[in-house]
Amino acid sequence: MPNIMPQEIEVWYLIPALRRELAKILVKDYGLNQKKSSEILGITESAVSQYLKSIRGSEIKFSKKDLGEIKKSAKSIANKGNPMREIYDLCVKLRKSKVICDLHKSRDKSIAKNCDVCFE
C-alpha cells in the first residue's frame, strides 16, 4: 500500500468530521433544519442526516479547544459567513493537531513514530 499523504487524511477524515460538527451545531444551536444546513454547507440533506447520526465523519473526536474553534466558525457561518473559508481555516488550524497526526499514523504504519512533516 502506498504511503498516505497528510492531505489525504484531511480530505478523507478531517473535512467530514468538521462538516459533522458544523452540521450538528447549525441544527442544534442555531435551529436550522437539515435542508437549510445542507444548502449552507454545500452538501446533500442525506449527508447532513448521516453527520447528525454520526454515521459519517465519526473517525475524529475533537478536543474541547478544537470544538471551541469549530463553534466560532459555526457562528460565523450561521451569520452568513463563508462556509468554505471557515472549513479551510479550520483545516489549517487543525493541521498541526495531534489528533490528525495520531490518525495518520494509525492509517499508515510506514510513518515513523517521530514524524514531523506537518510541523516543519
PDB file of N, CA and C in Angstrom:
ATOM      1  N   MET A   1       0.839  -1.182   0.000  1.00  0.00           N
ATOM      2  CA  MET A   1       0.000   0.000   0.000  1.00  0.00           C
ATOM      3  C   MET A   1       0.890   1.253   0.000  1.00  0.00           C
ATOM      4  N   PRO A   2       0.585   2.210  -0.870  1.00  0.00           N
ATOM      5  CA  PRO A   2       1.411   3.427  -0.906  1.00  0.00           C
ATOM      6  C   PRO A   2       1.217   4.258   0.363  1.00  0.00           C
ATOM      7  N   ASN A   3       2.198   5.107   0.604  1.00  0.00           N
ATOM      8  CA  ASN A   3       2.102   5.995   1.761  1.00  0.00           C
ATOM      9  C   ASN A   3       0.885   6.902   1.620  1.00  0.00           C
ATOM     10  N   ILE A   4       0.277   7.193   2.744  1.00  0.00           N
ATOM     11  CA  ILE A   4      -0.855   8.114   2.778  1.00  0.00           C
ATOM     12  C   ILE A   4      -0.308   9.496   3.102  1.00  0.00           C
ATOM     13  N   MET A   5      -0.667  10.462   2.292  1.00  0.00           N
ATOM     14  CA  MET A   5      -0.220  11.832   2.495  1.00  0.00           C
ATOM     15  C   MET A   5      -1.076  12.508   3.572  1.00  0.00           C
ATOM     16  N   PRO A   6      -0.517  13.445   4.317  1.00  0.00           N
ATOM     17  CA  PRO A   6      -1.309  14.172   5.315  1.00  0.00           C
ATOM     18  C   PRO A   6      -2.543  14.837   4.706  1.00  0.00           C
ATOM     19  N   GLN A   7      -2.430  15.300   3.468  1.00  0.00           N
ATOM     20  CA  GLN A   7      -3.562  15.943   2.807  1.00  0.00           C
ATOM     21  C   GLN A   7      -4.708  14.961   2.591  1.00  0.00           C
ATOM     22  N   GLU A   8      -4.375  13.694   2.367  1.00  0.00           N
ATOM     23  CA  GLU A   8      -5.416  12.676   2.199  1.00  0.00           C
ATOM     24  C   GLU A   8      -6.164  12.458   3.506  1.00  0.00           C
ATOM     25  N   ILE A   9      -5.462  12.523   4.616  1.00  0.00           N
ATOM     26  CA  ILE A   9      -6.114  12.416   5.924  1.00  0.00           C
ATOM     27  C   ILE A   9      -7.104  13.565   6.094  1.00  0.00           C
ATOM     28  N   GLU A  10      -6.706  14.752   5.666  1.00  0.00           N
ATOM     29  CA  GLU A  10      -7.610  15.905   5.748  1.00  0.00           C
ATOM     30  C   GLU A  10      -8.872  15.674   4.924  1.00  0.00           C
ATOM     31  N   VAL A  11      -8.698  15.208   3.691  1.00  0.00           N
ATOM     32  CA  VAL A  11      -9.835  15.021   2.794  1.00  0.00           C
ATOM     33  C   VAL A  11     -10.733  13.880   3.263  1.00  0.00           C
ATOM     34  N   TRP A  12     -10.136  12.759   3.635  1.00  0.00           N
ATOM     35  CA  TRP A  12     -10.914  11.577   3.978  1.00  0.00           C
ATOM     36  C   TRP A  12     -11.527  11.622   5.376  1.00  0.00           C
ATOM     37  N   TYR A  13     -10.848  12.297   6.316  1.00  0.00           N
ATOM     38  CA  TYR A  13     -11.287  12.245   7.714  1.00  0.00           C
ATOM     39  C   TYR A  13     -11.583  13.606   8.334  1.00  0.00           C
ATOM     40  N   LEU A  14     -10.679  14.578   8.156  1.00  0.00           N
ATOM     41  CA  LEU A  14     -10.848  15.859   8.834  1.00  0.00           C
ATOM     42  C   LEU A  14     -12.039  16.651   8.300  1.00  0.00           C
ATOM     43  N   ILE A  15     -12.119  16.812   6.991  1.00  0.00           N
ATOM     44  CA  ILE A  15     -13.223  17.603   6.433  1.00  0.00           C
ATOM     45  C   ILE A  15     -14.579  16.973   6.768  1.00  0.00           C
ATOM     46  N   PRO A  16     -14.760  15.666   6.616  1.00  0.00           N
ATOM     47  CA  PRO A  16     -16.037  15.090   7.031  1.00  0.00           C
ATOM     48  C   PRO A  16     -16.334  15.295   8.527  1.00  0.00           C
ATOM     49  N   ALA A  17     -15.309  15.187   9.368  1.00  0.00           N
ATOM     50  CA  ALA A  17     -15.517  15.391  10.810  1.00  0.00           C
ATOM     51  C   ALA A  17     -15.899  16.847  11.105  1.00  0.00           C
ATOM     52  N   LEU A  18     -15.281  17.780  10.391  1.00  0.00           N
ATOM     53  CA  LEU A  18     -15.642  19.195  10.560  1.00  0.00           C
ATOM     54  C   LEU A  18     -17.070  19.447  10.095  1.00  0.00           C
ATOM     55  N   ARG A  19     -17.433  18.875   8.965  1.00  0.00           N
ATOM     56  CA  ARG A  19     -18.814  19.021   8.482  1.00  0.00           C
ATOM     57  C   ARG A  19     -19.796  18.429   9.489  1.00  0.00           C
ATOM     58  N   ARG A  20     -19.429  17.291  10.080  1.00  0.00           N
ATOM     59  CA  ARG A  20     -20.287  16.671  11.096  1.00  0.00           C
ATOM     60  C   ARG A  20     -20.541  17.642  12.234  1.00  0.00           C
ATOM     61  N   GLU A  21     -19.486  18.199  12.778  1.00  0.00           N
ATOM     62  CA  GLU A  21     -19.639  19.110  13.915  1.00  0.00           C
ATOM     63  C   GLU A  21     -20.388  20.376  13.523  1.00  0.00           C
ATOM     64  N   LEU A  22     -20.065  20.928  12.354  1.00  0.00           N
ATOM     65  CA  LEU A  22     -20.754  22.140  11.914  1.00  0.00           C
ATOM     66  C   LEU A  22     -22.241  21.880  11.701  1.00  0.00           C
ATOM     67  N   ALA A  23     -22.580  20.758  11.071  1.00  0.00           N
ATOM     68  CA  ALA A  23     -23.994  20.424  10.859  1.00  0.00           C
ATOM     69  C   ALA A  23     -24.717  20.282  12.195  1.00  0.00           C
ATOM     70  N   LYS A  24     -24.091  19.591  13.142  1.00  0.00           N
ATOM     71  CA  LYS A  24     -24.709  19.427  14.467  1.00  0.00           C
ATOM     72  C   LYS A  24     -24.954  20.776  15.132  1.00  0.00           C
ATOM     73  N   ILE A  25     -23.974  21.646  15.072  1.00  0.00           N
ATOM     74  CA  ILE A  25     -24.097  22.957  15.718  1.00  0.00           C
ATOM     75  C   ILE A  25     -25.157  23.803  15.015  1.00  0.00           C
ATOM     76  N   LEU A  26     -25.152  23.800  13.691  1.00  0.00           N
ATOM     77  CA  LEU A  26     -26.136  24.600  12.956  1.00  0.00           C
ATOM     78  C   LEU A  26     -27.559  24.142  13.260  1.00  0.00           C
ATOM     79  N   VAL A  27     -27.758  22.837  13.367  1.00  0.00           N
ATOM     80  CA  VAL A  27     -29.100  22.306  13.650  1.00  0.00           C
ATOM     81  C   VAL A  27     -29.471  22.508  15.117  1.00  0.00           C
ATOM     82  N   LYS A  28     -28.592  22.135  16.026  1.00  0.00           N
ATOM     83  CA  LYS A  28     -28.936  22.162  17.454  1.00  0.00           C
ATOM     84  C   LYS A  28     -28.845  23.556  18.062  1.00  0.00           C
ATOM     85  N   ASP A  29     -27.793  24.294  17.760  1.00  0.00           N
ATOM     86  CA  ASP A  29     -27.585  25.591  18.408  1.00  0.00           C
ATOM     87  C   ASP A  29     -28.250  26.753  17.675  1.00  0.00           C
ATOM     88  N   TYR A  30     -28.382  26.628  16.359  1.00  0.00           N
ATOM     89  CA  TYR A  30     -28.928  27.740  15.580  1.00  0.00           C
ATOM     90  C   TYR A  30     -30.316  27.440  15.012  1.00  0.00           C
ATOM     91  N   GLY A  31     -30.842  26.254  15.313  1.00  0.00           N
ATOM     92  CA  GLY A  31     -32.209  25.916  14.939  1.00  0.00           C
ATOM     93  C   GLY A  31     -32.466  25.773  13.445  1.00  0.00           C
ATOM     94  N   LEU A  32     -31.413  25.551  12.683  1.00  0.00           N
ATOM     95  CA  LEU A  32     -31.599  25.364  11.248  1.00  0.00           C
ATOM     96  C   LEU A  32     -32.049  23.934  10.978  1.00  0.00           C
ATOM     97  N   ASN A  33     -32.880  23.754   9.964  1.00  0.00           N
ATOM     98  CA  ASN A  33     -33.274  22.389   9.616  1.00  0.00           C
ATOM     99  C   ASN A  33     -32.186  21.766   8.732  1.00  0.00           C
ATOM    100  N   GLN A  34     -32.335  20.483   8.467  1.00  0.00           N
ATOM    101  CA  GLN A  34     -31.314  19.772   7.697  1.00  0.00           C
ATOM    102  C   GLN A  34     -31.172  20.335   6.292  1.00  0.00           C
ATOM    103  N   LYS A  35     -32.290  20.719   5.690  1.00  0.00           N
ATOM    104  CA  LYS A  35     -32.245  21.259   4.326  1.00  0.00           C
ATOM    105  C   LYS A  35     -31.433  22.549   4.286  1.00  0.00           C
ATOM    106  N   LYS A  36     -31.726  23.473   5.200  1.00  0.00           N
ATOM    107  CA  LYS A  36     -31.009  24.754   5.231  1.00  0.00           C
ATOM    108  C   LYS A  36     -29.526  24.526   5.550  1.00  0.00           C
ATOM    109  N   SER A  37     -29.235  23.637   6.492  1.00  0.00           N
ATOM    110  CA  SER A  37     -27.845  23.325   6.839  1.00  0.00           C
ATOM    111  C   SER A  37     -27.103  22.750   5.645  1.00  0.00           C
ATOM    112  N   SER A  38     -27.777  21.881   4.894  1.00  0.00           N
ATOM    113  CA  SER A  38     -27.136  21.280   3.722  1.00  0.00           C
ATOM    114  C   SER A  38     -26.851  22.339   2.658  1.00  0.00           C
ATOM    115  N   GLU A  39     -27.793  23.262   2.474  1.00  0.00           N
ATOM    116  CA  GLU A  39     -27.585  24.335   1.498  1.00  0.00           C
ATOM    117  C   GLU A  39     -26.397  25.210   1.897  1.00  0.00           C
ATOM    118  N   ILE A  40     -26.338  25.559   3.164  1.00  0.00           N
ATOM    119  CA  ILE A  40     -25.261  26.420   3.654  1.00  0.00           C
ATOM    120  C   ILE A  40     -23.904  25.737   3.521  1.00  0.00           C
ATOM    121  N   LEU A  41     -23.838  24.456   3.883  1.00  0.00           N
ATOM    122  CA  LEU A  41     -22.569  23.725   3.859  1.00  0.00           C
ATOM    123  C   LEU A  41     -22.215  23.180   2.478  1.00  0.00           C
ATOM    124  N   GLY A  42     -23.155  23.260   1.541  1.00  0.00           N
ATOM    125  CA  GLY A  42     -22.888  22.782   0.188  1.00  0.00           C
ATOM    126  C   GLY A  42     -22.811  21.271   0.078  1.00  0.00           C
ATOM    127  N   ILE A  43     -23.625  20.594   0.889  1.00  0.00           N
ATOM    128  CA  ILE A  43     -23.670  19.130   0.880  1.00  0.00           C
ATOM    129  C   ILE A  43     -25.133  18.699   0.786  1.00  0.00           C
ATOM    130  N   THR A  44     -25.372  17.416   0.631  1.00  0.00           N
ATOM    131  CA  THR A  44     -26.747  16.935   0.498  1.00  0.00           C
ATOM    132  C   THR A  44     -27.433  16.841   1.867  1.00  0.00           C
ATOM    133  N   GLU A  45     -28.759  16.836   1.815  1.00  0.00           N
ATOM    134  CA  GLU A  45     -29.528  16.647   3.049  1.00  0.00           C
ATOM    135  C   GLU A  45     -29.219  15.294   3.683  1.00  0.00           C
ATOM    136  N   SER A  46     -29.048  14.272   2.837  1.00  0.00           N
ATOM    137  CA  SER A  46     -28.743  12.947   3.393  1.00  0.00           C
ATOM    138  C   SER A  46     -27.382  12.940   4.081  1.00  0.00           C
ATOM    139  N   ALA A  47     -26.432  13.726   3.569  1.00  0.00           N
ATOM    140  CA  ALA A  47     -25.128  13.832   4.233  1.00  0.00           C
ATOM    141  C   ALA A  47     -25.306  14.470   5.608  1.00  0.00           C
ATOM    142  N   VAL A  48     -26.105  15.538   5.691  1.00  0.00           N
ATOM    143  CA  VAL A  48     -26.361  16.171   6.991  1.00  0.00           C
ATOM    144  C   VAL A  48     -26.995  15.163   7.934  1.00  0.00           C
ATOM    145  N   SER A  49     -27.964  14.411   7.453  1.00  0.00           N
ATOM    146  CA  SER A  49     -28.619  13.388   8.284  1.00  0.00           C
ATOM    147  C   SER A  49     -27.602  12.380   8.809  1.00  0.00           C
ATOM    148  N   GLN A  50     -26.702  11.938   7.940  1.00  0.00           N
ATOM    149  CA  GLN A  50     -25.679  10.973   8.359  1.00  0.00           C
ATOM    150  C   GLN A  50     -24.697  11.598   9.341  1.00  0.00           C
ATOM    151  N   TYR A  51     -24.372  12.874   9.149  1.00  0.00           N
ATOM    152  CA  TYR A  51     -23.493  13.559  10.099  1.00  0.00           C
ATOM    153  C   TYR A  51     -24.168  13.672  11.462  1.00  0.00           C
ATOM    154  N   LEU A  52     -25.455  14.009  11.475  1.00  0.00           N
ATOM    155  CA  LEU A  52     -26.175  14.165  12.744  1.00  0.00           C
ATOM    156  C   LEU A  52     -26.260  12.843  13.502  1.00  0.00           C
ATOM    157  N   LYS A  53     -26.302  11.743  12.774  1.00  0.00           N
ATOM    158  CA  LYS A  53     -26.364  10.413  13.394  1.00  0.00           C
ATOM    159  C   LYS A  53     -24.971   9.820  13.623  1.00  0.00           C
ATOM    160  N   SER A  54     -23.938  10.590  13.295  1.00  0.00           N
ATOM    161  CA  SER A  54     -22.539  10.147  13.390  1.00  0.00           C
ATOM    162  C   SER A  54     -22.275   8.883  12.584  1.00  0.00           C
ATOM    163  N   ILE A  55     -23.004   8.716  11.489  1.00  0.00           N
ATOM    164  CA  ILE A  55     -22.760   7.606  10.562  1.00  0.00           C
ATOM    165  C   ILE A  55     -21.569   7.953   9.679  1.00  0.00           C
ATOM    166  N   ARG A  56     -21.428   9.219   9.402  1.00  0.00           N
ATOM    167  CA  ARG A  56     -20.372   9.721   8.528  1.00  0.00           C
ATOM    168  C   ARG A  56     -19.519  10.714   9.319  1.00  0.00           C
ATOM    169  N   GLY A  57     -18.222  10.704   9.070  1.00  0.00           N
ATOM    170  CA  GLY A  57     -17.332  11.686   9.685  1.00  0.00           C
ATOM    171  C   GLY A  57     -17.081  11.467  11.161  1.00  0.00           C
ATOM    172  N   SER A  58     -17.152  10.226  11.606  1.00  0.00           N
ATOM    173  CA  SER A  58     -17.039   9.970  13.048  1.00  0.00           C
ATOM    174  C   SER A  58     -15.674   9.432  13.488  1.00  0.00           C
ATOM    175  N   GLU A  59     -14.704   9.421  12.591  1.00  0.00           N
ATOM    176  CA  GLU A  59     -13.393   8.870  12.938  1.00  0.00           C
ATOM    177  C   GLU A  59     -12.566   9.795  13.819  1.00  0.00           C
ATOM    178  N   ILE A  60     -12.900  11.076  13.832  1.00  0.00           N
ATOM    179  CA  ILE A  60     -12.132  12.038  14.625  1.00  0.00           C
ATOM    180  C   ILE A  60     -12.988  12.567  15.760  1.00  0.00           C
ATOM    181  N   LYS A  61     -12.419  12.555  16.947  1.00  0.00           N
ATOM    182  CA  LYS A  61     -13.038  13.171  18.118  1.00  0.00           C
ATOM    183  C   LYS A  61     -12.203  14.393  18.467  1.00  0.00           C
ATOM    184  N   PHE A  62     -12.849  15.539  18.511  1.00  0.00           N
ATOM    185  CA  PHE A  62     -12.139  16.791  18.741  1.00  0.00           C
ATOM    186  C   PHE A  62     -12.006  17.104  20.226  1.00  0.00           C
ATOM    187  N   SER A  63     -10.938  17.791  20.568  1.00  0.00           N
ATOM    188  CA  SER A  63     -10.731  18.264  21.936  1.00  0.00           C
ATOM    189  C   SER A  63     -11.703  19.408  22.216  1.00  0.00           C
ATOM    190  N   LYS A  64     -11.843  19.771  23.475  1.00  0.00           N
ATOM    191  CA  LYS A  64     -12.696  20.909  23.835  1.00  0.00           C
ATOM    192  C   LYS A  64     -12.211  22.186  23.167  1.00  0.00           C
ATOM    193  N   LYS A  65     -10.899  22.357  23.115  1.00  0.00           N
ATOM    194  CA  LYS A  65     -10.324  23.535  22.469  1.00  0.00           C
ATOM    195  C   LYS A  65     -10.698  23.571  20.986  1.00  0.00           C
ATOM    196  N   ASP A  66     -10.538  22.434  20.316  1.00  0.00           N
ATOM    197  CA  ASP A  66     -10.879  22.357  18.895  1.00  0.00           C
ATOM    198  C   ASP A  66     -12.373  22.599  18.685  1.00  0.00           C
ATOM    199  N   LEU A  67     -13.202  22.035  19.552  1.00  0.00           N
ATOM    200  CA  LEU A  67     -14.648  22.246  19.446  1.00  0.00           C
ATOM    201  C   LEU A  67     -15.000  23.719  19.623  1.00  0.00           C
ATOM    202  N   GLY A  68     -14.259  24.405  20.457  1.00  0.00           N
ATOM    203  CA  GLY A  68     -14.469  25.844  20.626  1.00  0.00           C
ATOM    204  C   GLY A  68     -14.210  26.597  19.328  1.00  0.00           C
ATOM    205  N   GLU A  69     -13.147  26.220  18.629  1.00  0.00           N
ATOM    206  CA  GLU A  69     -12.835  26.841  17.337  1.00  0.00           C
ATOM    207  C   GLU A  69     -13.925  26.524  16.302  1.00  0.00           C
ATOM    208  N   ILE A  70     -14.400  25.296  16.333  1.00  0.00           N
ATOM    209  CA  ILE A  70     -15.451  24.889  15.395  1.00  0.00           C
ATOM    210  C   ILE A  70     -16.737  25.665  15.683  1.00  0.00           C
ATOM    211  N   LYS A  71     -17.041  25.871  16.959  1.00  0.00           N
ATOM    212  CA  LYS A  71     -18.237  26.648  17.316  1.00  0.00           C
ATOM    213  C   LYS A  71     -18.127  28.093  16.845  1.00  0.00           C
ATOM    214  N   LYS A  72     -16.934  28.666  16.923  1.00  0.00           N
ATOM    215  CA  LYS A  72     -16.733  30.030  16.403  1.00  0.00           C
ATOM    216  C   LYS A  72     -17.005  30.074  14.900  1.00  0.00           C
ATOM    217  N   SER A  73     -16.525  29.072  14.196  1.00  0.00           N
ATOM    218  CA  SER A  73     -16.755  29.012  12.753  1.00  0.00           C
ATOM    219  C   SER A  73     -18.234  28.806  12.446  1.00  0.00           C
ATOM    220  N   ALA A  74     -18.899  27.965  13.235  1.00  0.00           N
ATOM    221  CA  ALA A  74     -20.334  27.745  13.030  1.00  0.00           C
ATOM    222  C   ALA A  74     -21.105  29.046  13.235  1.00  0.00           C
ATOM    223  N   LYS A  75     -20.702  29.824  14.224  1.00  0.00           N
ATOM    224  CA  LYS A  75     -21.354  31.112  14.467  1.00  0.00           C
ATOM    225  C   LYS A  75     -21.181  32.023  13.262  1.00  0.00           C
ATOM    226  N   SER A  76     -19.982  32.083  12.729  1.00  0.00           N
ATOM    227  CA  SER A  76     -19.719  32.887  11.540  1.00  0.00           C
ATOM    228  C   SER A  76     -20.570  32.410  10.368  1.00  0.00           C
ATOM    229  N   ILE A  77     -20.623  31.099  10.175  1.00  0.00           N
ATOM    230  CA  ILE A  77     -21.410  30.527   9.078  1.00  0.00           C
ATOM    231  C   ILE A  77     -22.893  30.845   9.261  1.00  0.00           C
ATOM    232  N   ALA A  78     -23.399  30.705  10.474  1.00  0.00           N
ATOM    233  CA  ALA A  78     -24.812  30.993  10.762  1.00  0.00           C
ATOM    234  C   ALA A  78     -25.139  32.464  10.510  1.00  0.00           C
ATOM    235  N   ASN A  79     -24.132  33.328  10.657  1.00  0.00           N
ATOM    236  CA  ASN A  79     -24.311  34.764  10.426  1.00  0.00           C
ATOM    237  C   ASN A  79     -23.879  35.167   9.020  1.00  0.00           C
ATOM    238  N   LYS A  80     -24.049  34.249   8.065  1.00  0.00           N
ATOM    239  CA  LYS A  80     -23.789  34.495   6.643  1.00  0.00           C
ATOM    240  C   LYS A  80     -22.312  34.530   6.262  1.00  0.00           C
ATOM    241  N   GLY A  81     -21.455  33.960   7.119  1.00  0.00           N
ATOM    242  CA  GLY A  81     -20.047  33.854   6.768  1.00  0.00           C
ATOM    243  C   GLY A  81     -19.855  32.822   5.663  1.00  0.00           C
ATOM    244  N   ASN A  82     -18.658  32.753   5.133  1.00  0.00           N
ATOM    245  CA  ASN A  82     -18.338  31.856   4.033  1.00  0.00           C
ATOM    246  C   ASN A  82     -17.957  30.468   4.574  1.00  0.00           C
ATOM    247  N   PRO A  83     -18.834  29.457   4.371  1.00  0.00           N
ATOM    248  CA  PRO A  83     -18.535  28.112   4.895  1.00  0.00           C
ATOM    249  C   PRO A  83     -17.227  27.532   4.364  1.00  0.00           C
ATOM    250  N   MET A  84     -16.944  27.760   3.083  1.00  0.00           N
ATOM    251  CA  MET A  84     -15.714  27.218   2.517  1.00  0.00           C
ATOM    252  C   MET A  84     -14.496  27.830   3.206  1.00  0.00           C
ATOM    253  N   ARG A  85     -14.521  29.124   3.433  1.00  0.00           N
ATOM    254  CA  ARG A  85     -13.420  29.810   4.110  1.00  0.00           C
ATOM    255  C   ARG A  85     -13.273  29.281   5.535  1.00  0.00           C
ATOM    256  N   GLU A  86     -14.388  29.117   6.234  1.00  0.00           N
ATOM    257  CA  GLU A  86     -14.344  28.645   7.624  1.00  0.00           C
ATOM    258  C   GLU A  86     -13.775  27.233   7.711  1.00  0.00           C
ATOM    259  N   ILE A  87     -14.217  26.352   6.820  1.00  0.00           N
ATOM    260  CA  ILE A  87     -13.709  24.972   6.843  1.00  0.00           C
ATOM    261  C   ILE A  87     -12.231  24.952   6.471  1.00  0.00           C
ATOM    262  N   TYR A  88     -11.848  25.753   5.492  1.00  0.00           N
ATOM    263  CA  TYR A  88     -10.440  25.834   5.119  1.00  0.00           C
ATOM    264  C   TYR A  88      -9.600  26.318   6.301  1.00  0.00           C
ATOM    265  N   ASP A  89     -10.052  27.402   6.947  1.00  0.00           N
ATOM    266  CA  ASP A  89      -9.304  27.943   8.088  1.00  0.00           C
ATOM    267  C   ASP A  89      -9.204  26.927   9.223  1.00  0.00           C
ATOM    268  N   LEU A  90     -10.278  26.181   9.456  1.00  0.00           N
ATOM    269  CA  LEU A  90     -10.231  25.133  10.486  1.00  0.00           C
ATOM    270  C   LEU A  90      -9.222  24.054  10.117  1.00  0.00           C
ATOM    271  N   CYS A  91      -9.172  23.671   8.859  1.00  0.00           N
ATOM    272  CA  CYS A  91      -8.191  22.671   8.413  1.00  0.00           C
ATOM    273  C   CYS A  91      -6.772  23.159   8.683  1.00  0.00           C
ATOM    274  N   VAL A  92      -6.526  24.427   8.387  1.00  0.00           N
ATOM    275  CA  VAL A  92      -5.191  24.994   8.616  1.00  0.00           C
ATOM    276  C   VAL A  92      -4.873  24.962  10.112  1.00  0.00           C
ATOM    277  N   LYS A  93      -5.822  25.370  10.957  1.00  0.00           N
ATOM    278  CA  LYS A  93      -5.599  25.380  12.408  1.00  0.00           C
ATOM    279  C   LYS A  93      -5.364  23.971  12.945  1.00  0.00           C
ATOM    280  N   LEU A  94      -6.130  23.015  12.434  1.00  0.00           N
ATOM    281  CA  LEU A  94      -6.066  21.654  12.965  1.00  0.00           C
ATOM    282  C   LEU A  94      -4.991  20.797  12.298  1.00  0.00           C
ATOM    283  N   ARG A  95      -4.382  21.315  11.266  1.00  0.00           N
ATOM    284  CA  ARG A  95      -3.351  20.560  10.541  1.00  0.00           C
ATOM    285  C   ARG A  95      -2.239  20.102  11.477  1.00  0.00           C
ATOM    286  N   LYS A  96      -1.912  20.912  12.438  1.00  0.00           N
ATOM    287  CA  LYS A  96      -0.828  20.583  13.366  1.00  0.00           C
ATOM    288  C   LYS A  96      -1.349  19.917  14.644  1.00  0.00           C
ATOM    289  N   SER A  97      -2.580  19.488  14.601  1.00  0.00           N
ATOM    290  CA  SER A  97      -3.207  18.857  15.761  1.00  0.00           C
ATOM    291  C   SER A  97      -2.701  17.425  15.953  1.00  0.00           C
ATOM    292  N   LYS A  98      -2.525  17.062  17.184  1.00  0.00           N
ATOM    293  CA  LYS A  98      -2.092  15.694  17.499  1.00  0.00           C
ATOM    294  C   LYS A  98      -3.118  14.663  17.029  1.00  0.00           C
ATOM    295  N   VAL A  99      -4.389  15.023  17.056  1.00  0.00           N
ATOM    296  CA  VAL A  99      -5.423  14.078  16.640  1.00  0.00           C
ATOM    297  C   VAL A  99      -5.245  13.694  15.169  1.00  0.00           C
ATOM    298  N   ILE A 100      -4.856  14.637  14.346  1.00  0.00           N
ATOM    299  CA  ILE A 100      -4.623  14.347  12.929  1.00  0.00           C
ATOM    300  C   ILE A 100      -3.383  13.469  12.782  1.00  0.00           C
ATOM    301  N   CYS A 101      -2.343  13.810  13.509  1.00  0.00           N
ATOM    302  CA  CYS A 101      -1.095  13.051  13.457  1.00  0.00           C
ATOM    303  C   CYS A 101      -1.326  11.602  13.913  1.00  0.00           C
ATOM    304  N   ASP A 102      -2.022  11.429  15.007  1.00  0.00           N
ATOM    305  CA  ASP A 102      -2.300  10.078  15.519  1.00  0.00           C
ATOM    306  C   ASP A 102      -3.131   9.262  14.528  1.00  0.00           C
ATOM    307  N   LEU A 103      -4.136   9.908  13.939  1.00  0.00           N
ATOM    308  CA  LEU A 103      -4.970   9.217  12.960  1.00  0.00           C
ATOM    309  C   LEU A 103      -4.138   8.821  11.741  1.00  0.00           C
ATOM    310  N   HIS A 104      -3.278   9.716  11.296  1.00  0.00           N
ATOM    311  CA  HIS A 104      -2.417   9.434  10.154  1.00  0.00           C
ATOM    312  C   HIS A 104      -1.525   8.220  10.446  1.00  0.00           C
ATOM    313  N   LYS A 105      -0.918   8.218  11.611  1.00  0.00           N
ATOM    314  CA  LYS A 105      -0.033   7.100  11.976  1.00  0.00           C
ATOM    315  C   LYS A 105      -0.796   5.788  12.110  1.00  0.00           C
ATOM    316  N   SER A 106      -2.047   5.858  12.552  1.00  0.00           N
ATOM    317  CA  SER A 106      -2.835   4.627  12.692  1.00  0.00           C
ATOM    318  C   SER A 106      -3.257   4.075  11.330  1.00  0.00           C
ATOM    319  N   ARG A 107      -3.356   4.940  10.332  1.00  0.00           N
ATOM    320  CA  ARG A 107      -3.779   4.519   8.996  1.00  0.00           C
ATOM    321  C   ARG A 107      -2.606   4.156   8.091  1.00  0.00           C
ATOM    322  N   ASP A 108      -1.427   4.640   8.411  1.00  0.00           N
ATOM    323  CA  ASP A 108      -0.245   4.368   7.593  1.00  0.00           C
ATOM    324  C   ASP A 108       0.887   3.923   8.514  1.00  0.00           C
ATOM    325  N   LYS A 109       1.067   2.622   8.605  1.00  0.00           N
ATOM    326  CA  LYS A 109       2.052   2.045   9.532  1.00  0.00           C
ATOM    327  C   LYS A 109       3.493   2.331   9.123  1.00  0.00           C
ATOM    328  N   SER A 110       3.708   2.848   7.916  1.00  0.00           N
ATOM    329  CA  SER A 110       5.073   3.132   7.480  1.00  0.00           C
ATOM    330  C   SER A 110       5.592   4.472   8.021  1.00  0.00           C
ATOM    331  N   ILE A 111       4.734   5.241   8.658  1.00  0.00           N
ATOM    332  CA  ILE A 111       5.154   6.542   9.179  1.00  0.00           C
ATOM    333  C   ILE A 111       5.959   6.349  10.460  1.00  0.00           C
ATOM    334  N   ALA A 112       7.087   7.008  10.511  1.00  0.00           N
ATOM    335  CA  ALA A 112       7.955   6.916  11.689  1.00  0.00           C
ATOM    336  C   ALA A 112       7.271   7.531  12.909  1.00  0.00           C
ATOM    337  N   LYS A 113       7.556   6.980  14.065  1.00  0.00           N
ATOM    338  CA  LYS A 113       6.979   7.490  15.324  1.00  0.00           C
ATOM    339  C   LYS A 113       7.302   8.962  15.545  1.00  0.00           C
ATOM    340  N   ASN A 114       8.483   9.372  15.094  1.00  0.00           N
ATOM    341  CA  ASN A 114       8.913  10.755  15.305  1.00  0.00           C
ATOM    342  C   ASN A 114       8.671  11.644  14.078  1.00  0.00           C
ATOM    343  N   CYS A 115       7.736  11.267  13.227  1.00  0.00           N
ATOM    344  CA  CYS A 115       7.424  12.055  12.034  1.00  0.00           C
ATOM    345  C   CYS A 115       7.024  13.471  12.441  1.00  0.00           C
ATOM    346  N   ASP A 116       7.563  14.452  11.714  1.00  0.00           N
ATOM    347  CA  ASP A 116       7.217  15.840  11.992  1.00  0.00           C
ATOM    348  C   ASP A 116       6.961  16.633  10.707  1.00  0.00           C
ATOM    349  N   VAL A 117       6.548  15.938   9.659  1.00  0.00           N
ATOM    350  CA  VAL A 117       6.330  16.568   8.366  1.00  0.00           C
ATOM    351  C   VAL A 117       5.366  17.755   8.477  1.00  0.00           C
ATOM    352  N   CYS A 118       4.292  17.591   9.222  1.00  0.00           N
ATOM    353  CA  CYS A 118       3.280  18.647   9.331  1.00  0.00           C
ATOM    354  C   CYS A 118       3.711  19.786  10.233  1.00  0.00           C
ATOM    355  N   PHE A 119       4.802  19.618  10.933  1.00  0.00           N
ATOM    356  CA  PHE A 119       5.237  20.625  11.901  1.00  0.00           C
ATOM    357  C   PHE A 119       6.454  21.405  11.435  1.00  0.00           C
ATOM    358  N   GLU A 120       6.951  21.099  10.251  1.00  0.00           N
ATOM    359  CA  GLU A 120       8.147  21.773   9.743  1.00  0.00           C
ATOM    360  C   GLU A 120       7.804  23.150   9.217  1.00  0.00           C
TER     361      GLU A 120
END
